[in-house]
Amino acid sequence: AGLRAAQPGEFTRRAFDNGRIDLA
């Protein structure tokens, strides 16, 4: 419960949104 399959690029998008990496 509470889990779903990721979409393409979603792990990296979360890293960007959470400030772990920048856009470049």
mmCIF file of all heavy atoms, coordinates in Angstrom:
data_MODEL
# 
_entry.id   MODEL 
# 
loop_
_atom_site.group_PDB 
_atom_site.id 
_atom_site.type_symbol 
_atom_site.label_atom_id 
_atom_site.label_alt_id 
_atom_site.label_comp_id 
_atom_site.label_asym_id 
_atom_site.label_entity_id 
_atom_site.label_seq_id 
_atom_site.pdbx_PDB_ins_code 
_atom_site.Cartn_x 
_atom_site.Cartn_y 
_atom_site.Cartn_z 
_atom_site.occupancy 
_atom_site.B_iso_or_equiv 
_atom_site.pdbx_formal_charge 
_atom_site.auth_seq_id 
_atom_site.auth_comp_id 
_atom_site.auth_asym_id 
_atom_site.auth_atom_id 
_atom_site.pdbx_PDB_model_num 
ATOM 1   N N   . ALA A 1 1  ? 0.833  -1.206 0.000   1.00 0.00 ? 1  ALA A N   1 
ATOM 2   C CA  . ALA A 1 1  ? 0.000  0.000  0.000   1.00 0.00 ? 1  ALA A CA  1 
ATOM 3   C C   . ALA A 1 1  ? 0.869  1.258  0.000   1.00 0.00 ? 1  ALA A C   1 
ATOM 4   O O   . ALA A 1 1  ? 1.867  1.338  0.718   1.00 0.00 ? 1  ALA A O   1 
ATOM 5   C CB  . ALA A 1 1  ? -0.919 0.004  1.217   1.00 0.00 ? 1  ALA A CB  1 
ATOM 6   N N   . GLY A 1 2  ? 0.496  2.233  -0.811  1.00 0.00 ? 2  GLY A N   1 
ATOM 7   C CA  . GLY A 1 2  ? 1.210  3.501  -0.853  1.00 0.00 ? 2  GLY A CA  1 
ATOM 8   C C   . GLY A 1 2  ? 2.358  3.538  -1.827  1.00 0.00 ? 2  GLY A C   1 
ATOM 9   O O   . GLY A 1 2  ? 3.041  4.562  -1.936  1.00 0.00 ? 2  GLY A O   1 
ATOM 10  N N   . LEU A 1 3  ? 2.616  2.466  -2.546  1.00 0.00 ? 3  LEU A N   1 
ATOM 11  C CA  . LEU A 1 3  ? 3.688  2.427  -3.539  1.00 0.00 ? 3  LEU A CA  1 
ATOM 12  C C   . LEU A 1 3  ? 3.106  2.417  -4.942  1.00 0.00 ? 3  LEU A C   1 
ATOM 13  O O   . LEU A 1 3  ? 2.013  1.900  -5.177  1.00 0.00 ? 3  LEU A O   1 
ATOM 14  C CB  . LEU A 1 3  ? 4.572  1.191  -3.359  1.00 0.00 ? 3  LEU A CB  1 
ATOM 15  C CG  . LEU A 1 3  ? 5.811  1.362  -2.470  1.00 0.00 ? 3  LEU A CG  1 
ATOM 16  C CD1 . LEU A 1 3  ? 5.385  1.578  -1.030  1.00 0.00 ? 3  LEU A CD1 1 
ATOM 17  C CD2 . LEU A 1 3  ? 6.722  0.141  -2.589  1.00 0.00 ? 3  LEU A CD2 1 
ATOM 18  N N   . ARG A 1 4  ? 3.850  2.991  -5.875  1.00 0.00 ? 4  ARG A N   1 
ATOM 19  C CA  . ARG A 1 4  ? 3.505  2.904  -7.292  1.00 0.00 ? 4  ARG A CA  1 
ATOM 20  C C   . ARG A 1 4  ? 4.783  2.852  -8.107  1.00 0.00 ? 4  ARG A C   1 
ATOM 21  O O   . ARG A 1 4  ? 5.857  3.273  -7.664  1.00 0.00 ? 4  ARG A O   1 
ATOM 22  C CB  . ARG A 1 4  ? 2.650  4.093  -7.722  1.00 0.00 ? 4  ARG A CB  1 
ATOM 23  C CG  . ARG A 1 4  ? 3.362  5.431  -7.641  1.00 0.00 ? 4  ARG A CG  1 
ATOM 24  C CD  . ARG A 1 4  ? 2.527  6.541  -8.292  1.00 0.00 ? 4  ARG A CD  1 
ATOM 25  N NE  . ARG A 1 4  ? 3.149  7.846  -8.114  1.00 0.00 ? 4  ARG A NE  1 
ATOM 26  C CZ  . ARG A 1 4  ? 4.125  8.319  -8.879  1.00 0.00 ? 4  ARG A CZ  1 
ATOM 27  N NH1 . ARG A 1 4  ? 4.614  7.588  -9.875  1.00 0.00 ? 4  ARG A NH1 1 
ATOM 28  N NH2 . ARG A 1 4  ? 4.638  9.526  -8.644  1.00 0.00 ? 4  ARG A NH2 1 
ATOM 29  N N   . ALA A 1 5  ? 4.658  2.331  -9.325  1.00 0.00 ? 5  ALA A N   1 
ATOM 30  C CA  . ALA A 1 5  ? 5.808  2.264  -10.225 1.00 0.00 ? 5  ALA A CA  1 
ATOM 31  C C   . ALA A 1 5  ? 6.211  3.671  -10.659 1.00 0.00 ? 5  ALA A C   1 
ATOM 32  O O   . ALA A 1 5  ? 5.371  4.542  -10.876 1.00 0.00 ? 5  ALA A O   1 
ATOM 33  C CB  . ALA A 1 5  ? 5.471  1.409  -11.443 1.00 0.00 ? 5  ALA A CB  1 
ATOM 34  N N   . ALA A 1 6  ? 7.511  3.883  -10.752 1.00 0.00 ? 6  ALA A N   1 
ATOM 35  C CA  . ALA A 1 6  ? 8.017  5.196  -11.154 1.00 0.00 ? 6  ALA A CA  1 
ATOM 36  C C   . ALA A 1 6  ? 7.781  5.439  -12.634 1.00 0.00 ? 6  ALA A C   1 
ATOM 37  O O   . ALA A 1 6  ? 7.681  4.507  -13.441 1.00 0.00 ? 6  ALA A O   1 
ATOM 38  C CB  . ALA A 1 6  ? 9.503  5.300  -10.843 1.00 0.00 ? 6  ALA A CB  1 
ATOM 39  N N   . GLN A 1 7  ? 7.712  6.715  -13.002 1.00 0.00 ? 7  GLN A N   1 
ATOM 40  C CA  . GLN A 1 7  ? 7.644  7.116  -14.393 1.00 0.00 ? 7  GLN A CA  1 
ATOM 41  C C   . GLN A 1 7  ? 9.049  7.454  -14.885 1.00 0.00 ? 7  GLN A C   1 
ATOM 42  O O   . GLN A 1 7  ? 9.968  7.642  -14.081 1.00 0.00 ? 7  GLN A O   1 
ATOM 43  C CB  . GLN A 1 7  ? 6.723  8.333  -14.526 1.00 0.00 ? 7  GLN A CB  1 
ATOM 44  C CG  . GLN A 1 7  ? 5.285  8.049  -14.110 1.00 0.00 ? 7  GLN A CG  1 
ATOM 45  C CD  . GLN A 1 7  ? 4.398  9.253  -14.262 1.00 0.00 ? 7  GLN A CD  1 
ATOM 46  O OE1 . GLN A 1 7  ? 4.693  10.153 -15.049 1.00 0.00 ? 7  GLN A OE1 1 
ATOM 47  N NE2 . GLN A 1 7  ? 3.306  9.299  -13.516 1.00 0.00 ? 7  GLN A NE2 1 
ATOM 48  N N   . PRO A 1 8  ? 9.243  7.536  -16.213 1.00 0.00 ? 8  PRO A N   1 
ATOM 49  C CA  . PRO A 1 8  ? 10.580 7.837  -16.736 1.00 0.00 ? 8  PRO A CA  1 
ATOM 50  C C   . PRO A 1 8  ? 11.144 9.131  -16.157 1.00 0.00 ? 8  PRO A C   1 
ATOM 51  O O   . PRO A 1 8  ? 10.484 10.174 -16.165 1.00 0.00 ? 8  PRO A O   1 
ATOM 52  C CB  . PRO A 1 8  ? 10.338 7.962  -18.244 1.00 0.00 ? 8  PRO A CB  1 
ATOM 53  C CG  . PRO A 1 8  ? 9.158  7.095  -18.503 1.00 0.00 ? 8  PRO A CG  1 
ATOM 54  C CD  . PRO A 1 8  ? 8.287  7.253  -17.293 1.00 0.00 ? 8  PRO A CD  1 
ATOM 55  N N   . GLY A 1 9  ? 12.369 9.054  -15.637 1.00 0.00 ? 9  GLY A N   1 
ATOM 56  C CA  . GLY A 1 9  ? 13.062 10.233 -15.132 1.00 0.00 ? 9  GLY A CA  1 
ATOM 57  C C   . GLY A 1 9  ? 12.605 10.709 -13.771 1.00 0.00 ? 9  GLY A C   1 
ATOM 58  O O   . GLY A 1 9  ? 13.091 11.736 -13.284 1.00 0.00 ? 9  GLY A O   1 
ATOM 59  N N   . GLU A 1 10 ? 11.697 9.970  -13.101 1.00 0.00 ? 10 GLU A N   1 
ATOM 60  C CA  . GLU A 1 10 ? 11.111 10.515 -11.879 1.00 0.00 ? 10 GLU A CA  1 
ATOM 61  C C   . GLU A 1 10 ? 12.095 10.528 -10.713 1.00 0.00 ? 10 GLU A C   1 
ATOM 62  O O   . GLU A 1 10 ? 12.042 11.430 -9.866  1.00 0.00 ? 10 GLU A O   1 
ATOM 63  C CB  . GLU A 1 10 ? 9.860  9.735  -11.501 1.00 0.00 ? 10 GLU A CB  1 
ATOM 64  C CG  . GLU A 1 10 ? 9.044  10.421 -10.425 1.00 0.00 ? 10 GLU A CG  1 
ATOM 65  C CD  . GLU A 1 10 ? 7.649  9.860  -10.274 1.00 0.00 ? 10 GLU A CD  1 
ATOM 66  O OE1 . GLU A 1 10 ? 7.326  8.867  -10.944 1.00 0.00 ? 10 GLU A OE1 1 
ATOM 67  O OE2 . GLU A 1 10 ? 6.898  10.419 -9.458  1.00 0.00 ? 10 GLU A OE2 1 
ATOM 68  N N   . PHE A 1 11 ? 12.983 9.561  -10.642 1.00 0.00 ? 11 PHE A N   1 
ATOM 69  C CA  . PHE A 1 11 ? 13.979 9.590  -9.570  1.00 0.00 ? 11 PHE A CA  1 
ATOM 70  C C   . PHE A 1 11 ? 14.863 10.825 -9.704  1.00 0.00 ? 11 PHE A C   1 
ATOM 71  O O   . PHE A 1 11 ? 15.136 11.533 -8.720  1.00 0.00 ? 11 PHE A O   1 
ATOM 72  C CB  . PHE A 1 11 ? 14.837 8.314  -9.598  1.00 0.00 ? 11 PHE A CB  1 
ATOM 73  C CG  . PHE A 1 11 ? 14.153 7.094  -9.062  1.00 0.00 ? 11 PHE A CG  1 
ATOM 74  C CD1 . PHE A 1 11 ? 13.458 6.238  -9.896  1.00 0.00 ? 11 PHE A CD1 1 
ATOM 75  C CD2 . PHE A 1 11 ? 14.199 6.799  -7.708  1.00 0.00 ? 11 PHE A CD2 1 
ATOM 76  C CE1 . PHE A 1 11 ? 12.826 5.109  -9.400  1.00 0.00 ? 11 PHE A CE1 1 
ATOM 77  C CE2 . PHE A 1 11 ? 13.576 5.677  -7.198  1.00 0.00 ? 11 PHE A CE2 1 
ATOM 78  C CZ  . PHE A 1 11 ? 12.877 4.833  -8.050  1.00 0.00 ? 11 PHE A CZ  1 
ATOM 79  N N   . THR A 1 12 ? 15.331 11.104 -10.927 1.00 0.00 ? 12 THR A N   1 
ATOM 80  C CA  . THR A 1 12 ? 16.181 12.269 -11.148 1.00 0.00 ? 12 THR A CA  1 
ATOM 81  C C   . THR A 1 12 ? 15.392 13.557 -10.962 1.00 0.00 ? 12 THR A C   1 
ATOM 82  O O   . THR A 1 12 ? 15.921 14.551 -10.444 1.00 0.00 ? 12 THR A O   1 
ATOM 83  C CB  . THR A 1 12 ? 16.800 12.219 -12.555 1.00 0.00 ? 12 THR A CB  1 
ATOM 84  O OG1 . THR A 1 12 ? 17.425 10.949 -12.744 1.00 0.00 ? 12 THR A OG1 1 
ATOM 85  C CG2 . THR A 1 12 ? 17.829 13.312 -12.727 1.00 0.00 ? 12 THR A CG2 1 
ATOM 86  N N   . ARG A 1 13 ? 14.124 13.574 -11.374 1.00 0.00 ? 13 ARG A N   1 
ATOM 87  C CA  . ARG A 1 13 ? 13.292 14.762 -11.169 1.00 0.00 ? 13 ARG A CA  1 
ATOM 88  C C   . ARG A 1 13 ? 13.162 15.063 -9.678  1.00 0.00 ? 13 ARG A C   1 
ATOM 89  O O   . ARG A 1 13 ? 13.202 16.216 -9.260  1.00 0.00 ? 13 ARG A O   1 
ATOM 90  C CB  . ARG A 1 13 ? 11.908 14.537 -11.787 1.00 0.00 ? 13 ARG A CB  1 
ATOM 91  C CG  . ARG A 1 13 ? 10.904 15.683 -11.548 1.00 0.00 ? 13 ARG A CG  1 
ATOM 92  C CD  . ARG A 1 13 ? 11.393 16.966 -12.230 1.00 0.00 ? 13 ARG A CD  1 
ATOM 93  N NE  . ARG A 1 13 ? 10.483 18.072 -11.981 1.00 0.00 ? 13 ARG A NE  1 
ATOM 94  C CZ  . ARG A 1 13 ? 9.520  18.460 -12.814 1.00 0.00 ? 13 ARG A CZ  1 
ATOM 95  N NH1 . ARG A 1 13 ? 9.324  17.827 -13.953 1.00 0.00 ? 13 ARG A NH1 1 
ATOM 96  N NH2 . ARG A 1 13 ? 8.764  19.485 -12.533 1.00 0.00 ? 13 ARG A NH2 1 
ATOM 97  N N   . ARG A 1 14 ? 13.005 14.028 -8.850  1.00 0.00 ? 14 ARG A N   1 
ATOM 98  C CA  . ARG A 1 14 ? 12.904 14.255 -7.407  1.00 0.00 ? 14 ARG A CA  1 
ATOM 99  C C   . ARG A 1 14 ? 14.229 14.768 -6.844  1.00 0.00 ? 14 ARG A C   1 
ATOM 100 O O   . ARG A 1 14 ? 14.247 15.618 -5.955  1.00 0.00 ? 14 ARG A O   1 
ATOM 101 C CB  . ARG A 1 14 ? 12.470 12.967 -6.706  1.00 0.00 ? 14 ARG A CB  1 
ATOM 102 C CG  . ARG A 1 14 ? 11.038 12.589 -7.031  1.00 0.00 ? 14 ARG A CG  1 
ATOM 103 C CD  . ARG A 1 14 ? 10.549 11.411 -6.219  1.00 0.00 ? 14 ARG A CD  1 
ATOM 104 N NE  . ARG A 1 14 ? 9.133  11.175 -6.501  1.00 0.00 ? 14 ARG A NE  1 
ATOM 105 C CZ  . ARG A 1 14 ? 8.292  10.564 -5.677  1.00 0.00 ? 14 ARG A CZ  1 
ATOM 106 N NH1 . ARG A 1 14 ? 8.723  10.133 -4.503  1.00 0.00 ? 14 ARG A NH1 1 
ATOM 107 N NH2 . ARG A 1 14 ? 7.032  10.391 -6.003  1.00 0.00 ? 14 ARG A NH2 1 
ATOM 108 N N   . ALA A 1 15 ? 15.322 14.249 -7.369  1.00 0.00 ? 15 ALA A N   1 
ATOM 109 C CA  . ALA A 1 15 ? 16.623 14.758 -6.924  1.00 0.00 ? 15 ALA A CA  1 
ATOM 110 C C   . ALA A 1 15 ? 16.754 16.244 -7.239  1.00 0.00 ? 15 ALA A C   1 
ATOM 111 O O   . ALA A 1 15 ? 17.267 17.028 -6.434  1.00 0.00 ? 15 ALA A O   1 
ATOM 112 C CB  . ALA A 1 15 ? 17.752 13.967 -7.583  1.00 0.00 ? 15 ALA A CB  1 
ATOM 113 N N   . PHE A 1 16 ? 16.267 16.651 -8.416  1.00 0.00 ? 16 PHE A N   1 
ATOM 114 C CA  . PHE A 1 16 ? 16.291 18.069 -8.791  1.00 0.00 ? 16 PHE A CA  1 
ATOM 115 C C   . PHE A 1 16 ? 15.363 18.882 -7.893  1.00 0.00 ? 16 PHE A C   1 
ATOM 116 O O   . PHE A 1 16 ? 15.743 19.926 -7.358  1.00 0.00 ? 16 PHE A O   1 
ATOM 117 C CB  . PHE A 1 16 ? 15.892 18.214 -10.262 1.00 0.00 ? 16 PHE A CB  1 
ATOM 118 C CG  . PHE A 1 16 ? 15.624 19.629 -10.679 1.00 0.00 ? 16 PHE A CG  1 
ATOM 119 C CD1 . PHE A 1 16 ? 16.664 20.522 -10.871 1.00 0.00 ? 16 PHE A CD1 1 
ATOM 120 C CD2 . PHE A 1 16 ? 14.328 20.073 -10.873 1.00 0.00 ? 16 PHE A CD2 1 
ATOM 121 C CE1 . PHE A 1 16 ? 16.413 21.840 -11.252 1.00 0.00 ? 16 PHE A CE1 1 
ATOM 122 C CE2 . PHE A 1 16 ? 14.062 21.375 -11.251 1.00 0.00 ? 16 PHE A CE2 1 
ATOM 123 C CZ  . PHE A 1 16 ? 15.112 22.261 -11.448 1.00 0.00 ? 16 PHE A CZ  1 
ATOM 124 N N   . ASP A 1 17 ? 14.124 18.415 -7.728  1.00 0.00 ? 17 ASP A N   1 
ATOM 125 C CA  . ASP A 1 17 ? 13.150 19.165 -6.927  1.00 0.00 ? 17 ASP A CA  1 
ATOM 126 C C   . ASP A 1 17 ? 13.592 19.299 -5.471  1.00 0.00 ? 17 ASP A C   1 
ATOM 127 O O   . ASP A 1 17 ? 13.251 20.285 -4.803  1.00 0.00 ? 17 ASP A O   1 
ATOM 128 C CB  . ASP A 1 17 ? 11.786 18.480 -6.986  1.00 0.00 ? 17 ASP A CB  1 
ATOM 129 C CG  . ASP A 1 17 ? 11.094 18.674 -8.329  1.00 0.00 ? 17 ASP A CG  1 
ATOM 130 O OD1 . ASP A 1 17 ? 11.423 19.663 -9.017  1.00 0.00 ? 17 ASP A OD1 1 
ATOM 131 O OD2 . ASP A 1 17 ? 10.231 17.856 -8.692  1.00 0.00 ? 17 ASP A OD2 1 
ATOM 132 N N   . ASN A 1 18 ? 14.345 18.320 -4.982  1.00 0.00 ? 18 ASN A N   1 
ATOM 133 C CA  . ASN A 1 18 ? 14.791 18.351 -3.588  1.00 0.00 ? 18 ASN A CA  1 
ATOM 134 C C   . ASN A 1 18 ? 16.175 18.951 -3.419  1.00 0.00 ? 18 ASN A C   1 
ATOM 135 O O   . ASN A 1 18 ? 16.767 18.881 -2.334  1.00 0.00 ? 18 ASN A O   1 
ATOM 136 C CB  . ASN A 1 18 ? 14.766 16.935 -2.998  1.00 0.00 ? 18 ASN A CB  1 
ATOM 137 C CG  . ASN A 1 18 ? 13.354 16.413 -2.826  1.00 0.00 ? 18 ASN A CG  1 
ATOM 138 O OD1 . ASN A 1 18 ? 12.450 17.154 -2.460  1.00 0.00 ? 18 ASN A OD1 1 
ATOM 139 N ND2 . ASN A 1 18 ? 13.148 15.124 -3.084  1.00 0.00 ? 18 ASN A ND2 1 
ATOM 140 N N   . GLY A 1 19 ? 16.721 19.532 -4.501  1.00 0.00 ? 19 GLY A N   1 
ATOM 141 C CA  . GLY A 1 19 ? 17.986 20.245 -4.388  1.00 0.00 ? 19 GLY A CA  1 
ATOM 142 C C   . GLY A 1 19 ? 19.224 19.373 -4.331  1.00 0.00 ? 19 GLY A C   1 
ATOM 143 O O   . GLY A 1 19 ? 20.304 19.864 -3.999  1.00 0.00 ? 19 GLY A O   1 
ATOM 144 N N   . ARG A 1 20 ? 19.090 18.083 -4.677  1.00 0.00 ? 20 ARG A N   1 
ATOM 145 C CA  . ARG A 1 20 ? 20.273 17.215 -4.674  1.00 0.00 ? 20 ARG A CA  1 
ATOM 146 C C   . ARG A 1 20 ? 21.152 17.450 -5.895  1.00 0.00 ? 20 ARG A C   1 
ATOM 147 O O   . ARG A 1 20 ? 22.357 17.237 -5.853  1.00 0.00 ? 20 ARG A O   1 
ATOM 148 C CB  . ARG A 1 20 ? 19.851 15.741 -4.612  1.00 0.00 ? 20 ARG A CB  1 
ATOM 149 C CG  . ARG A 1 20 ? 19.070 15.373 -3.366  1.00 0.00 ? 20 ARG A CG  1 
ATOM 150 C CD  . ARG A 1 20 ? 19.876 15.614 -2.111  1.00 0.00 ? 20 ARG A CD  1 
ATOM 151 N NE  . ARG A 1 20 ? 21.037 14.718 -2.047  1.00 0.00 ? 20 ARG A NE  1 
ATOM 152 C CZ  . ARG A 1 20 ? 21.993 14.781 -1.143  1.00 0.00 ? 20 ARG A CZ  1 
ATOM 153 N NH1 . ARG A 1 20 ? 21.972 15.750 -0.238  1.00 0.00 ? 20 ARG A NH1 1 
ATOM 154 N NH2 . ARG A 1 20 ? 22.979 13.925 -1.141  1.00 0.00 ? 20 ARG A NH2 1 
ATOM 155 N N   . ILE A 1 21 ? 20.535 17.829 -7.000  1.00 0.00 ? 21 ILE A N   1 
ATOM 156 C CA  . ILE A 1 21 ? 21.281 18.203 -8.201  1.00 0.00 ? 21 ILE A CA  1 
ATOM 157 C C   . ILE A 1 21 ? 20.594 19.440 -8.787  1.00 0.00 ? 21 ILE A C   1 
ATOM 158 O O   . ILE A 1 21 ? 19.429 19.708 -8.499  1.00 0.00 ? 21 ILE A O   1 
ATOM 159 C CB  . ILE A 1 21 ? 21.322 17.081 -9.257  1.00 0.00 ? 21 ILE A CB  1 
ATOM 160 C CG1 . ILE A 1 21 ? 19.894 16.709 -9.699  1.00 0.00 ? 21 ILE A CG1 1 
ATOM 161 C CG2 . ILE A 1 21 ? 22.073 15.875 -8.743  1.00 0.00 ? 21 ILE A CG2 1 
ATOM 162 C CD1 . ILE A 1 21 ? 19.860 15.720 -10.846 1.00 0.00 ? 21 ILE A CD1 1 
ATOM 163 N N   . ASP A 1 22 ? 21.323 20.182 -9.616  1.00 0.00 ? 22 ASP A N   1 
ATOM 164 C CA  . ASP A 1 22 ? 20.684 21.291 -10.307 1.00 0.00 ? 22 ASP A CA  1 
ATOM 165 C C   . ASP A 1 22 ? 20.388 20.878 -11.747 1.00 0.00 ? 22 ASP A C   1 
ATOM 166 O O   . ASP A 1 22 ? 20.676 19.753 -12.160 1.00 0.00 ? 22 ASP A O   1 
ATOM 167 C CB  . ASP A 1 22 ? 21.519 22.569 -10.219 1.00 0.00 ? 22 ASP A CB  1 
ATOM 168 C CG  . ASP A 1 22 ? 22.868 22.463 -10.919 1.00 0.00 ? 22 ASP A CG  1 
ATOM 169 O OD1 . ASP A 1 22 ? 22.985 21.698 -11.899 1.00 0.00 ? 22 ASP A OD1 1 
ATOM 170 O OD2 . ASP A 1 22 ? 23.820 23.134 -10.479 1.00 0.00 ? 22 ASP A OD2 1 
ATOM 171 N N   . LEU A 1 23 ? 19.802 21.788 -12.502 1.00 0.00 ? 23 LEU A N   1 
ATOM 172 C CA  . LEU A 1 23 ? 19.339 21.445 -13.836 1.00 0.00 ? 23 LEU A CA  1 
ATOM 173 C C   . LEU A 1 23 ? 20.492 21.112 -14.775 1.00 0.00 ? 23 LEU A C   1 
ATOM 174 O O   . LEU A 1 23 ? 20.396 20.181 -15.588 1.00 0.00 ? 23 LEU A O   1 
ATOM 175 C CB  . LEU A 1 23 ? 18.511 22.599 -14.401 1.00 0.00 ? 23 LEU A CB  1 
ATOM 176 C CG  . LEU A 1 23 ? 17.817 22.346 -15.731 1.00 0.00 ? 23 LEU A CG  1 
ATOM 177 C CD1 . LEU A 1 23 ? 16.925 21.113 -15.651 1.00 0.00 ? 23 LEU A CD1 1 
ATOM 178 C CD2 . LEU A 1 23 ? 17.009 23.565 -16.146 1.00 0.00 ? 23 LEU A CD2 1 
ATOM 179 N N   . ALA A 1 24 ? 21.580 21.844 -14.685 1.00 0.00 ? 24 ALA A N   1 
ATOM 180 C CA  . ALA A 1 24 ? 22.726 21.562 -15.551 1.00 0.00 ? 24 ALA A CA  1 
ATOM 181 C C   . ALA A 1 24 ? 23.293 20.176 -15.266 1.00 0.00 ? 24 ALA A C   1 
ATOM 182 O O   . ALA A 1 24 ? 23.668 19.438 -16.186 1.00 0.00 ? 24 ALA A O   1 
ATOM 183 C CB  . ALA A 1 24 ? 23.804 22.630 -15.360 1.00 0.00 ? 24 ALA A CB  1 
# 
